[in-house]
PDB file of all heavy atoms in Angstrom:
ATOM      1  N   ASN A   1     269.861  32.871 125.302  1.00  0.00           N
ATOM      2  CA  ASN A   1     271.388  32.854 125.003  1.00  0.00           C
ATOM      3  C   ASN A   1     272.186  32.781 126.269  1.00  0.00           C
ATOM      4  O   ASN A   1     273.376  33.008 126.239  1.00  0.00           O
ATOM      5  CB  ASN A   1     271.735  34.054 124.152  1.00  0.00           C
ATOM      6  CG  ASN A   1     271.468  35.393 124.908  1.00  0.00           C
ATOM      7  OD1 ASN A   1     270.727  35.407 125.870  1.00  0.00           O
ATOM      8  ND2 ASN A   1     272.079  36.459 124.387  1.00  0.00           N
ATOM      9  N   PHE A   2     271.594  32.433 127.374  1.00  0.00           N
ATOM     10  CA  PHE A   2     272.324  32.468 128.668  1.00  0.00           C
ATOM     11  C   PHE A   2     273.224  31.289 128.921  1.00  0.00           C
ATOM     12  O   PHE A   2     273.129  30.233 128.274  1.00  0.00           O
ATOM     13  CB  PHE A   2     271.273  32.473 129.834  1.00  0.00           C
ATOM     14  CG  PHE A   2     270.760  33.837 130.185  1.00  0.00           C
ATOM     15  CD1 PHE A   2     269.793  33.943 131.217  1.00  0.00           C
ATOM     16  CD2 PHE A   2     271.119  34.962 129.614  1.00  0.00           C
ATOM     17  CE1 PHE A   2     269.289  35.124 131.548  1.00  0.00           C
ATOM     18  CE2 PHE A   2     270.694  36.251 129.962  1.00  0.00           C
ATOM     19  CZ  PHE A   2     269.666  36.311 130.893  1.00  0.00           C
ATOM     20  N   THR A   3     274.217  31.534 129.684  1.00  0.00           N
ATOM     21  CA  THR A   3     275.087  30.458 130.174  1.00  0.00           C
ATOM     22  C   THR A   3     274.649  30.186 131.660  1.00  0.00           C
ATOM     23  O   THR A   3     274.610  31.111 132.497  1.00  0.00           O
ATOM     24  CB  THR A   3     276.555  30.904 130.188  1.00  0.00           C
ATOM     25  OG1 THR A   3     276.918  31.166 128.829  1.00  0.00           O
ATOM     26  CG2 THR A   3     277.487  29.844 130.828  1.00  0.00           C
ATOM     27  N   VAL A   4     274.364  28.923 131.937  1.00  0.00           N
ATOM     28  CA  VAL A   4     273.792  28.507 133.280  1.00  0.00           C
ATOM     29  C   VAL A   4     274.636  27.428 133.805  1.00  0.00           C
ATOM     30  O   VAL A   4     274.957  26.491 133.159  1.00  0.00           O
ATOM     31  CB  VAL A   4     272.345  28.089 133.099  1.00  0.00           C
ATOM     32  CG1 VAL A   4     271.763  27.697 134.477  1.00  0.00           C
ATOM     33  CG2 VAL A   4     271.488  29.160 132.401  1.00  0.00           C
ATOM     34  N   TYR A   5     274.907  27.522 135.172  1.00  0.00           N
ATOM     35  CA  TYR A   5     275.475  26.344 135.871  1.00  0.00           C
ATOM     36  C   TYR A   5     274.386  25.651 136.663  1.00  0.00           C
ATOM     37  O   TYR A   5     273.494  26.308 137.263  1.00  0.00           O
ATOM     38  CB  TYR A   5     276.513  26.818 136.924  1.00  0.00           C
ATOM     39  CG  TYR A   5     277.654  27.628 136.592  1.00  0.00           C
ATOM     40  CD1 TYR A   5     278.435  28.245 137.542  1.00  0.00           C
ATOM     41  CD2 TYR A   5     278.098  27.760 135.183  1.00  0.00           C
ATOM     42  CE1 TYR A   5     279.581  28.910 137.168  1.00  0.00           C
ATOM     43  CE2 TYR A   5     279.212  28.489 134.912  1.00  0.00           C
ATOM     44  CZ  TYR A   5     279.912  29.073 135.889  1.00  0.00           C
ATOM     45  OH  TYR A   5     281.053  29.836 135.599  1.00  0.00           O
ATOM     46  N   ASP A   6     274.440  24.308 136.640  1.00  0.00           N
ATOM     47  CA  ASP A   6     273.633  23.466 137.546  1.00  0.00           C
ATOM     48  C   ASP A   6     274.516  22.765 138.441  1.00  0.00           C
ATOM     49  O   ASP A   6     275.135  21.749 138.001  1.00  0.00           O
ATOM     50  CB  ASP A   6     272.728  22.556 136.707  1.00  0.00           C
ATOM     51  CG  ASP A   6     271.867  21.618 137.498  1.00  0.00           C
ATOM     52  OD1 ASP A   6     271.863  21.717 138.754  1.00  0.00           O
ATOM     53  OD2 ASP A   6     271.131  20.794 136.916  1.00  0.00           O
ATOM     54  N   ILE A   7     274.734  23.198 139.622  1.00  0.00           N
ATOM     55  CA  ILE A   7     275.716  22.629 140.542  1.00  0.00           C
ATOM     56  C   ILE A   7     275.019  21.576 141.459  1.00  0.00           C
ATOM     57  O   ILE A   7     274.041  21.905 142.100  1.00  0.00           O
ATOM     58  CB  ILE A   7     276.343  23.772 141.419  1.00  0.00           C
ATOM     59  CG1 ILE A   7     277.075  24.782 140.496  1.00  0.00           C
ATOM     60  CG2 ILE A   7     277.278  23.168 142.416  1.00  0.00           C
ATOM     61  CD1 ILE A   7     277.521  25.991 141.289  1.00  0.00           C
ATOM     62  N   GLY A   8     275.639  20.480 141.421  1.00  0.00           N
ATOM     63  CA  GLY A   8     275.006  19.292 142.118  1.00  0.00           C
ATOM     64  C   GLY A   8     273.805  18.769 141.326  1.00  0.00           C
ATOM     65  O   GLY A   8     272.683  18.653 141.762  1.00  0.00           O
ATOM     66  N   ALA A   9     274.115  18.520 140.023  1.00  0.00           N
ATOM     67  CA  ALA A   9     273.053  18.247 139.037  1.00  0.00           C
ATOM     68  C   ALA A   9     272.292  16.955 139.171  1.00  0.00           C
ATOM     69  O   ALA A   9     271.235  16.797 138.628  1.00  0.00           O
ATOM     70  CB  ALA A   9     273.694  18.278 137.616  1.00  0.00           C
ATOM     71  N   GLY A  10     272.747  15.989 139.959  1.00  0.00           N
ATOM     72  CA  GLY A  10     272.028  14.781 140.235  1.00  0.00           C
ATOM     73  C   GLY A  10     271.711  14.017 138.961  1.00  0.00           C
ATOM     74  O   GLY A  10     272.640  13.630 138.219  1.00  0.00           O
ATOM     75  N   THR A  11     270.466  13.870 138.671  1.00  0.00           N
ATOM     76  CA  THR A  11     270.003  13.079 137.458  1.00  0.00           C
ATOM     77  C   THR A  11     270.034  14.021 136.250  1.00  0.00           C
ATOM     78  O   THR A  11     269.940  13.453 135.084  1.00  0.00           O
ATOM     79  CB  THR A  11     268.530  12.593 137.659  1.00  0.00           C
ATOM     80  OG1 THR A  11     267.716  13.788 137.717  1.00  0.00           O
ATOM     81  CG2 THR A  11     268.387  11.639 138.839  1.00  0.00           C
ATOM     82  N   GLY A  12     270.152  15.320 136.448  1.00  0.00           N
ATOM     83  CA  GLY A  12     270.204  16.241 135.302  1.00  0.00           C
ATOM     84  C   GLY A  12     268.866  16.732 134.954  1.00  0.00           C
ATOM     85  O   GLY A  12     268.646  17.406 133.944  1.00  0.00           O
ATOM     86  N   SER A  13     267.779  16.479 135.767  1.00  0.00           N
ATOM     87  CA  SER A  13     266.454  16.890 135.443  1.00  0.00           C
ATOM     88  C   SER A  13     266.285  18.378 135.370  1.00  0.00           C
ATOM     89  O   SER A  13     265.674  18.859 134.401  1.00  0.00           O
ATOM     90  CB  SER A  13     265.441  16.349 136.528  1.00  0.00           C
ATOM     91  OG  SER A  13     265.661  16.907 137.795  1.00  0.00           O
ATOM     92  N   VAL A  14     267.007  19.166 136.255  1.00  0.00           N
ATOM     93  CA  VAL A  14     266.948  20.600 136.134  1.00  0.00           C
ATOM     94  C   VAL A  14     267.703  21.105 134.877  1.00  0.00           C
ATOM     95  O   VAL A  14     267.201  21.983 134.138  1.00  0.00           O
ATOM     96  CB  VAL A  14     267.454  21.256 137.428  1.00  0.00           C
ATOM     97  CG1 VAL A  14     267.593  22.824 137.244  1.00  0.00           C
ATOM     98  CG2 VAL A  14     266.596  20.945 138.621  1.00  0.00           C
ATOM     99  N   SER A  15     268.897  20.516 134.609  1.00  0.00           N
ATOM    100  CA  SER A  15     269.643  20.833 133.444  1.00  0.00           C
ATOM    101  C   SER A  15     268.839  20.590 132.161  1.00  0.00           C
ATOM    102  O   SER A  15     268.917  21.455 131.221  1.00  0.00           O
ATOM    103  CB  SER A  15     270.944  19.978 133.348  1.00  0.00           C
ATOM    104  OG  SER A  15     271.844  20.334 134.375  1.00  0.00           O
ATOM    105  N   ILE A  16     268.118  19.490 132.101  1.00  0.00           N
ATOM    106  CA  ILE A  16     267.320  19.159 130.907  1.00  0.00           C
ATOM    107  C   ILE A  16     266.251  20.272 130.733  1.00  0.00           C
ATOM    108  O   ILE A  16     266.068  20.840 129.620  1.00  0.00           O
ATOM    109  CB  ILE A  16     266.606  17.831 131.089  1.00  0.00           C
ATOM    110  CG1 ILE A  16     267.653  16.712 131.107  1.00  0.00           C
ATOM    111  CG2 ILE A  16     265.673  17.586 129.944  1.00  0.00           C
ATOM    112  CD1 ILE A  16     268.491  16.486 129.908  1.00  0.00           C
ATOM    113  N   GLU A  17     265.460  20.594 131.800  1.00  0.00           N
ATOM    114  CA  GLU A  17     264.426  21.640 131.739  1.00  0.00           C
ATOM    115  C   GLU A  17     265.074  22.976 131.294  1.00  0.00           C
ATOM    116  O   GLU A  17     264.505  23.661 130.399  1.00  0.00           O
ATOM    117  CB  GLU A  17     263.713  21.821 133.058  1.00  0.00           C
ATOM    118  CG  GLU A  17     262.985  20.600 133.486  1.00  0.00           C
ATOM    119  CD  GLU A  17     261.519  20.641 133.177  1.00  0.00           C
ATOM    120  OE1 GLU A  17     261.073  21.416 132.296  1.00  0.00           O
ATOM    121  OE2 GLU A  17     260.720  19.814 133.831  1.00  0.00           O
ATOM    122  N   ILE A  18     266.189  23.326 131.871  1.00  0.00           N
ATOM    123  CA  ILE A  18     266.859  24.618 131.530  1.00  0.00           C
ATOM    124  C   ILE A  18     267.238  24.563 129.988  1.00  0.00           C
ATOM    125  O   ILE A  18     267.082  25.552 129.328  1.00  0.00           O
ATOM    126  CB  ILE A  18     268.065  24.847 132.355  1.00  0.00           C
ATOM    127  CG1 ILE A  18     267.671  25.171 133.804  1.00  0.00           C
ATOM    128  CG2 ILE A  18     268.890  25.984 131.835  1.00  0.00           C
ATOM    129  CD1 ILE A  18     268.789  25.180 134.843  1.00  0.00           C
ATOM    130  N   SER A  19     267.779  23.486 129.603  1.00  0.00           N
ATOM    131  CA  SER A  19     268.385  23.355 128.212  1.00  0.00           C
ATOM    132  C   SER A  19     267.296  23.671 127.130  1.00  0.00           C
ATOM    133  O   SER A  19     267.550  24.150 126.086  1.00  0.00           O
ATOM    134  CB  SER A  19     269.015  22.054 128.020  1.00  0.00           C
ATOM    135  OG  SER A  19     268.072  20.989 127.891  1.00  0.00           O
ATOM    136  N   PHE A  20     266.009  23.302 127.451  1.00  0.00           N
ATOM    137  CA  PHE A  20     264.955  23.592 126.464  1.00  0.00           C
ATOM    138  C   PHE A  20     264.678  25.033 126.326  1.00  0.00           C
ATOM    139  O   PHE A  20     264.195  25.498 125.291  1.00  0.00           O
ATOM    140  CB  PHE A  20     263.675  22.819 126.886  1.00  0.00           C
ATOM    141  CG  PHE A  20     263.632  21.378 126.440  1.00  0.00           C
ATOM    142  CD1 PHE A  20     263.912  20.334 127.299  1.00  0.00           C
ATOM    143  CD2 PHE A  20     263.275  21.111 125.081  1.00  0.00           C
ATOM    144  CE1 PHE A  20     263.794  19.070 126.852  1.00  0.00           C
ATOM    145  CE2 PHE A  20     263.191  19.793 124.649  1.00  0.00           C
ATOM    146  CZ  PHE A  20     263.500  18.735 125.540  1.00  0.00           C
ATOM    147  N   GLN A  21     265.018  25.832 127.336  1.00  0.00           N
ATOM    148  CA  GLN A  21     264.791  27.217 127.298  1.00  0.00           C
ATOM    149  C   GLN A  21     266.034  27.997 126.651  1.00  0.00           C
ATOM    150  O   GLN A  21     265.896  29.165 126.210  1.00  0.00           O
ATOM    151  CB  GLN A  21     264.726  27.778 128.660  1.00  0.00           C
ATOM    152  CG  GLN A  21     263.651  27.179 129.550  1.00  0.00           C
ATOM    153  CD  GLN A  21     262.270  27.272 128.990  1.00  0.00           C
ATOM    154  OE1 GLN A  21     261.881  28.391 128.620  1.00  0.00           O
ATOM    155  NE2 GLN A  21     261.495  26.232 128.952  1.00  0.00           N
ATOM    156  N   LEU A  22     267.143  27.271 126.449  1.00  0.00           N
ATOM    157  CA  LEU A  22     268.304  27.940 125.899  1.00  0.00           C
ATOM    158  C   LEU A  22     268.568  27.503 124.487  1.00  0.00           C
ATOM    159  O   LEU A  22     269.424  26.649 124.216  1.00  0.00           O
ATOM    160  CB  LEU A  22     269.546  27.616 126.794  1.00  0.00           C
ATOM    161  CG  LEU A  22     269.416  27.902 128.261  1.00  0.00           C
ATOM    162  CD1 LEU A  22     270.724  27.507 129.033  1.00  0.00           C
ATOM    163  CD2 LEU A  22     269.110  29.325 128.540  1.00  0.00           C
ATOM    164  N   THR A  23     267.977  28.130 123.574  1.00  0.00           N
ATOM    165  CA  THR A  23     268.149  27.790 122.126  1.00  0.00           C
ATOM    166  C   THR A  23     269.540  28.150 121.611  1.00  0.00           C
ATOM    167  O   THR A  23     270.037  27.498 120.679  1.00  0.00           O
ATOM    168  CB  THR A  23     267.067  28.388 121.217  1.00  0.00           C
ATOM    169  OG1 THR A  23     267.110  29.828 121.473  1.00  0.00           O
ATOM    170  CG2 THR A  23     265.651  27.841 121.600  1.00  0.00           C
ATOM    171  N   GLN A  24     270.131  29.227 122.212  1.00  0.00           N
ATOM    172  CA  GLN A  24     271.463  29.588 121.811  1.00  0.00           C
ATOM    173  C   GLN A  24     272.485  29.469 123.019  1.00  0.00           C
ATOM    174  O   GLN A  24     273.627  29.911 122.842  1.00  0.00           O
ATOM    175  CB  GLN A  24     271.429  30.974 121.247  1.00  0.00           C
ATOM    176  CG  GLN A  24     270.562  31.163 120.081  1.00  0.00           C
ATOM    177  CD  GLN A  24     270.304  32.595 119.806  1.00  0.00           C
ATOM    178  OE1 GLN A  24     271.021  33.468 120.173  1.00  0.00           O
ATOM    179  NE2 GLN A  24     269.203  32.875 119.038  1.00  0.00           N
ATOM    180  N   GLY A  25     272.065  29.130 124.181  1.00  0.00           N
ATOM    181  CA  GLY A  25     272.944  29.138 125.377  1.00  0.00           C
ATOM    182  C   GLY A  25     273.371  27.792 125.701  1.00  0.00           C
ATOM    183  O   GLY A  25     273.180  26.764 124.981  1.00  0.00           O
ATOM    184  N   LYS A  26     274.069  27.675 126.901  1.00  0.00           N
ATOM    185  CA  LYS A  26     274.635  26.434 127.314  1.00  0.00           C
ATOM    186  C   LYS A  26     274.339  26.215 128.831  1.00  0.00           C
ATOM    187  O   LYS A  26     274.289  27.168 129.606  1.00  0.00           O
ATOM    188  CB  LYS A  26     276.161  26.453 127.124  1.00  0.00           C
ATOM    189  CG  LYS A  26     276.624  26.383 125.741  1.00  0.00           C
ATOM    190  CD  LYS A  26     277.706  25.338 125.531  1.00  0.00           C
ATOM    191  CE  LYS A  26     278.219  25.341 124.137  1.00  0.00           C
ATOM    192  NZ  LYS A  26     277.475  24.388 123.309  1.00  0.00           N
ATOM    193  N   VAL A  27     274.224  24.918 129.232  1.00  0.00           N
ATOM    194  CA  VAL A  27     274.122  24.568 130.630  1.00  0.00           C
ATOM    195  C   VAL A  27     275.342  23.705 130.955  1.00  0.00           C
ATOM    196  O   VAL A  27     275.786  22.856 130.171  1.00  0.00           O
ATOM    197  CB  VAL A  27     272.858  23.688 130.815  1.00  0.00           C
ATOM    198  CG1 VAL A  27     272.718  23.294 132.253  1.00  0.00           C
ATOM    199  CG2 VAL A  27     271.609  24.285 130.333  1.00  0.00           C
ATOM    200  N   TYR A  28     275.926  24.071 132.043  1.00  0.00           N
ATOM    201  CA  TYR A  28     276.985  23.253 132.553  1.00  0.00           C
ATOM    202  C   TYR A  28     276.465  22.503 133.774  1.00  0.00           C
ATOM    203  O   TYR A  28     276.289  23.083 134.869  1.00  0.00           O
ATOM    204  CB  TYR A  28     278.181  24.197 132.941  1.00  0.00           C
ATOM    205  CG  TYR A  28     278.862  24.820 131.744  1.00  0.00           C
ATOM    206  CD1 TYR A  28     278.403  25.967 131.231  1.00  0.00           C
ATOM    207  CD2 TYR A  28     279.868  24.093 131.101  1.00  0.00           C
ATOM    208  CE1 TYR A  28     278.922  26.521 130.094  1.00  0.00           C
ATOM    209  CE2 TYR A  28     280.461  24.658 129.914  1.00  0.00           C
ATOM    210  CZ  TYR A  28     279.984  25.868 129.464  1.00  0.00           C
ATOM    211  OH  TYR A  28     280.611  26.453 128.322  1.00  0.00           O
TER     212      TYR A  28
END
């Protein structure tokens, strides 16, 4: 359920990986 920032996200590869862990949370 975390809220996570990915600053300097580039292709979004880290955001994608994080998003799979956040079933109730959000990635920015």
